[in-house]
Amino acid sequence: MEEAQRLRTAMKGVGCDKMTIIKVVAAYNSVIRDKIAKQFHASFGMELEGELQKELSFNLQRIMVGAFKERYEEWADAINESIKGLGTNSNHII
């Protein structure tokens, strides 16, 4: 997929082209984004999640990493994060 190449180009070198990453996420549904992540790994030998974590920060990082995960995996991660530690973040679960 050419989108995997677009993502690699956006994250290559110094700095990061955040708008390109956002445009790729916005253009495709979760099934296609999962395929893009797998193609990224096959083409470049790197996990897209790890590369996004290195290049992005805070909420943008969390959203973009989650967008490239399979839907049910993202839901499981969100529930796990909500019940981890003392107490439960019921707003996060909802």
Protein backbone atom coordinates (compact mmCIF):
# COMPACT_ATOMS: atom_id res chain seq x y z
CA MET A 1 0.00 0.00 0.00
CA GLU A 2 1.24 3.44 -0.78
CA GLU A 3 -0.16 4.70 2.52
CA ALA A 4 2.49 2.75 4.44
CA GLN A 5 5.11 4.60 2.41
CA ARG A 6 3.40 7.95 3.11
CA LEU A 7 3.53 7.22 6.84
CA ARG A 8 7.20 6.21 6.67
CA THR A 9 8.06 9.39 4.78
CA ALA A 10 6.12 11.48 7.31
CA MET A 11 8.12 10.01 10.20
CA LYS A 12 11.53 9.75 8.53
CA GLY A 13 14.32 12.13 9.51
CA VAL A 14 14.15 14.99 11.95
CA GLY A 15 10.66 16.04 12.97
CA CYS A 16 7.38 14.54 11.96
CA ASP A 17 4.69 15.50 9.45
CA LYS A 18 1.72 15.12 11.80
CA MET A 19 -0.80 16.31 9.23
CA THR A 20 0.06 13.46 6.86
CA ILE A 21 -0.45 10.93 9.64
CA ILE A 22 -3.78 12.52 10.57
CA LYS A 23 -4.91 12.53 6.92
CA VAL A 24 -4.12 8.82 6.54
CA VAL A 25 -6.08 8.01 9.72
CA ALA A 26 -9.03 10.15 8.66
CA ALA A 27 -9.21 8.66 5.15
CA TYR A 28 -9.65 5.00 6.13
CA ASN A 29 -11.74 2.83 8.41
CA SER A 30 -10.26 0.62 11.13
CA VAL A 31 -10.05 -2.49 8.93
CA ILE A 32 -8.01 -0.68 6.27
CA ARG A 33 -5.83 1.05 8.89
CA ASP A 34 -5.02 -2.36 10.38
CA LYS A 35 -3.92 -3.54 6.92
CA ILE A 36 -1.79 -0.41 6.52
CA ALA A 37 -0.07 -1.16 9.86
CA LYS A 38 0.67 -4.73 8.75
CA GLN A 39 1.98 -3.48 5.40
CA PHE A 40 4.19 -0.96 7.22
CA HIS A 41 5.73 -3.79 9.22
CA ALA A 42 6.17 -5.98 6.14
CA SER A 43 7.74 -3.19 4.09
CA PHE A 44 10.03 -1.58 6.65
CA GLY A 45 10.54 -4.22 9.36
CA MET A 46 9.28 -1.82 12.04
CA GLU A 47 6.10 -1.83 14.06
CA LEU A 48 3.98 1.20 13.19
CA GLU A 49 2.86 1.50 16.82
CA GLY A 50 6.45 1.89 18.01
CA GLU A 51 7.26 4.45 15.35
CA LEU A 52 4.18 6.51 16.20
CA GLN A 53 5.10 6.40 19.89
CA LYS A 54 8.57 7.74 19.09
CA GLU A 55 7.32 10.51 16.82
CA LEU A 56 4.16 11.74 18.57
CA SER A 57 3.34 12.75 22.12
CA PHE A 58 0.50 12.92 24.61
CA ASN A 59 -3.08 12.67 23.34
CA LEU A 60 -2.18 12.73 19.65
CA GLN A 61 0.08 9.74 20.23
CA ARG A 62 -2.64 7.83 22.08
CA ILE A 63 -5.24 8.54 19.39
CA MET A 64 -3.00 7.68 16.43
CA VAL A 65 -1.63 4.50 18.00
CA GLY A 66 -5.18 3.41 18.85
CA ALA A 67 -6.41 4.20 15.35
CA PHE A 68 -4.03 1.65 13.83
CA LYS A 69 -5.01 -1.13 16.23
CA GLU A 70 -7.73 -3.64 15.54
CA ARG A 71 -10.98 -2.33 17.03
CA TYR A 72 -11.43 -4.98 19.71
CA GLU A 73 -7.81 -4.75 20.79
CA GLU A 74 -8.23 -1.00 21.27
CA TRP A 75 -11.39 -1.53 23.31
CA ALA A 76 -9.63 -4.11 25.51
CA ASP A 77 -6.72 -1.70 26.06
CA ALA A 78 -9.13 1.08 27.04
CA ILE A 79 -10.95 -1.12 29.55
CA ASN A 80 -7.66 -2.37 30.99
CA GLU A 81 -6.43 1.21 31.41
CA SER A 82 -9.71 2.17 33.14
CA ILE A 83 -9.58 -0.57 35.77
CA LYS A 84 -5.82 -0.55 36.37
CA GLY A 85 -4.64 0.57 39.81
CA LEU A 86 -6.80 1.87 42.62
CA GLY A 87 -10.40 2.54 41.72
CA THR A 88 -12.10 2.42 38.37
CA ASN A 89 -12.46 5.25 35.88
CA SER A 90 -16.10 4.68 34.96
CA ASN A 91 -16.15 7.69 32.61
CA HIS A 92 -13.35 6.14 30.59
CA ILE A 93 -15.18 2.82 30.40
CA ILE A 94 -18.34 4.51 29.17
